[in-house]
Amino acid sequence: MTRRSQALRYGLAAILAGMLLACGGGGDGAGLPAPPPVTDVPSDWATFQHDAAHTGFVNVRFDPSQFSRIWSWSRPAGDPEPIGGINSVATGSGKVFVSKDIYFGQGALYALNESDGSLSWTYSLGAMASAGPPAFAAGIVYVPSTDPTEHCVIWAVDSTNGTYRYKMPSACQWSAFLAPTVLGGSVLHTSQAGAVYSYSSADGSLQWSAPAGAYDQATPAADGLRVYQYGFNASGPALGLFDKTTGALTASIADPFASGFSGYSMFSAPMLGSMGNAIVFSGGGFSGRAASSSEQFESRILVSYDLARKAVAWRSANAYLTHPAIASGAIYAARNAPATLDVMSESDGHLLWSWTPPTADTSFHRNIVVTRNLAFVSTDANVYAIDLNTHQAVWQYGKPGMLAISAASILYIATGATVSDGNLVAIKLK
């Protein structure tokens, strides 16, 4: 399906702690800094790539010999719209939250019990042109949608019983989405019409909005001080830094490497590192599909921005397709032609080590999730767990897809290599 024409338009403590980690020695992987202290359980998968920094990092060690598939779930039948998919998931309060990916169909948000996949509740969005992935924070699920008359809102739904709390409107045209980003009393959202919005998580009231030159399939990163969004302004592509309280643009760091833009989608979010840096895909993406569950066509280089100097620190030597992850001073990203998982130094981008999948797996897709001892990656045929010490695959599951790990130590695979097939698989990790 061809997208319709669309309109233009990371506290400080975390940075300091990350800088201390980056200075450590030894570690789980060869040549990597010491990892952060182990936690007893992971935190919930709150938004795109886990957290407001979009790191894809889950601070737990897992034993692959304990992995087991515990249940699966399929999108209910009966809606004749053409996608038939589901979006990437969020978790919280012992539930996994799943929204339908639709193209002019009946929107719905489902809450499944993590223990067995049984349905806890359903919240109907009604007739919608599109709906995006959910986010979770403090007992509320947030899900974005576009209605058939081009009105976009984020719905806030009570995670316990699936009742309406409030909704937050934004300017849009025909949008696909990444999950909103929620941090410190603010619900942050990047509109397809080019602006970043900050809403109060207490009642959904608008705190501020600011032009960012972004498109759909984007979400900002945030810390206690600032909000970060890559976009395209009058001077060209740049990473914008916005005051988290007021929305004032405090800096715009130019990207000298982007070579053209489709004018449709971003398919990315800034990823905040441990060295006062932000890593961003250079340029935009395009899938040719009006689907929030779809994957972009383009492979793109990664650019690391030094946030203190307000300057580019380095760019990757290769172009990558998968949403990257970052942990213990290393960046994990996968590329194709040939299919290779690269692990790069966060400090300067140099290659630390690589992993190549079996020849039957021809390409990498979707996102990467990293734990203290494993990297989870998806190819066109399988999901693999790669040991960070031995650099070998120690587990695989025969369906690719979008990955998430919950506080209950369950790996979720929203299956489908490049677009959702409507199914969700739950793998118990411990």
Foldseek 3Di string as FASTA:
>chain_A
DFDDAWAWWAAPVLLVVLQVQQPADDDQFPPFGHFDDADPFWAWQFFQLRALLNFLETAHDFDVVPKDFQEKDFDDDDKPFDFRAKADWTDDPQWIKIWGFGAQTKTKIWTAHQNHRHTQDMATPGGFRGKEYWGDDDQWIWIWTAHPVGKIKIWIAGNNRGHGQAIETDHIGQAAAGYWHDDDQWTWGAYQNAKIWTAGPVRRHTQDIDIARFHHLEYWHDHPFWIWDWHADPVGTWIWTAGPRRRHTPATQDDPPADDAPNHHANWYWRDGNNQKTKTFHYGFDFSDSTNQFFTDDFTKIWIANNVVSYTQEIAPDTFGEHWHDTRQWIWTFHPPPTKIFIAGNRYGHTDDIAHDPPVFRYWAYYWHHYSFWIWTFTQFWIFTAGSHVRHTDDIDGFGAHWDAGSQRWIKGQGDRGGGPRMIIIMRRD
